Amino acid sequence: MELTKTATIAHAFYQAHGDKAELEAAQREKHFREAGNDEEAENWRSIRGSIRRMLSLIHISEPTRLD
């Protein structure tokens, strides 16, 4: 899957599932892997990685509270 398509899906998936998006993507990856659909499982692995990177950037950019 193209990188831009992966990022677009990851963003939409995060919008729909919030902080549970990475878990949901991992479950879909597992489902497709167990079903023998390795191509779709790889797509979800890539989407999961994109979600993880997106979440790390969100958490880095959040201001820290010192009070």
Protein backbone atom coordinates (compact mmCIF):
# COMPACT_ATOMS: atom_id res chain seq x y z
CA MET A 1 0.00 0.00 0.00
CA GLU A 2 1.23 3.49 -0.80
CA LEU A 3 2.61 5.51 2.08
CA THR A 4 0.15 8.37 1.53
CA LYS A 5 -2.81 5.97 1.47
CA THR A 6 -1.55 4.29 4.65
CA ALA A 7 -1.24 7.67 6.39
CA THR A 8 -4.70 8.75 5.23
CA ILE A 9 -6.30 5.54 6.50
CA ALA A 10 -4.36 5.78 9.78
CA HIS A 11 -5.56 9.34 10.32
CA ALA A 12 -9.19 8.42 9.60
CA PHE A 13 -8.89 5.34 11.81
CA TYR A 14 -7.54 7.49 14.66
CA GLN A 15 -10.40 9.96 14.20
CA ALA A 16 -12.89 7.10 14.46
CA HIS A 17 -11.26 5.10 17.29
CA GLY A 18 -9.21 7.63 19.26
CA ASP A 19 -6.58 6.21 21.59
CA LYS A 20 -7.78 2.67 20.82
CA ALA A 21 -6.89 2.99 17.13
CA GLU A 22 -3.53 1.20 17.42
CA LEU A 23 -5.13 -1.69 19.29
CA GLU A 24 -7.93 -1.94 16.73
CA ALA A 25 -5.42 -1.96 13.88
CA ALA A 26 -3.41 -4.70 15.64
CA GLN A 27 -6.54 -6.80 16.02
CA ARG A 28 -7.35 -6.42 12.33
CA GLU A 29 -3.78 -7.35 11.42
CA LYS A 30 -4.07 -10.48 13.59
CA HIS A 31 -7.45 -11.38 12.10
CA PHE A 32 -6.19 -11.20 8.53
CA ARG A 33 -2.95 -13.02 9.38
CA GLU A 34 -4.92 -15.87 10.98
CA ALA A 35 -7.26 -15.96 7.99
CA GLY A 36 -4.26 -16.42 5.70
CA ASN A 37 -4.59 -13.02 4.03
CA ASP A 38 -0.99 -11.90 4.47
CA GLU A 39 -1.29 -8.94 2.10
CA GLU A 40 -4.15 -7.37 4.05
CA ALA A 41 -2.37 -8.20 7.33
CA GLU A 42 0.69 -6.31 6.07
CA ASN A 43 -1.49 -3.35 5.14
CA TRP A 44 -2.82 -3.24 8.72
CA ARG A 45 0.70 -3.62 10.11
CA SER A 46 1.68 -0.54 8.10
CA ILE A 47 -1.42 1.34 9.22
CA ARG A 48 -0.66 0.41 12.84
CA GLY A 49 2.89 1.75 12.46
CA SER A 50 1.57 4.98 11.01
CA ILE A 51 -0.87 5.35 13.91
CA ARG A 52 1.97 4.72 16.39
CA ARG A 53 4.11 7.43 14.77
CA MET A 54 1.18 9.83 14.70
CA LEU A 55 0.45 9.21 18.40
CA SER A 56 4.08 9.75 19.34
CA LEU A 57 4.04 13.12 17.58
CA ILE A 58 0.80 14.09 19.31
CA HIS A 59 2.21 13.25 22.73
CA ILE A 60 5.49 15.04 22.03
CA SER A 61 3.70 18.21 20.96
CA GLU A 62 1.35 18.34 23.96
CA PRO A 63 2.45 20.90 26.54
CA THR A 64 3.55 19.42 29.81
CA ARG A 65 1.83 20.54 32.96
CA LEU A 66 4.00 21.41 35.92
CA ASP A 67 1.28 22.25 38.42
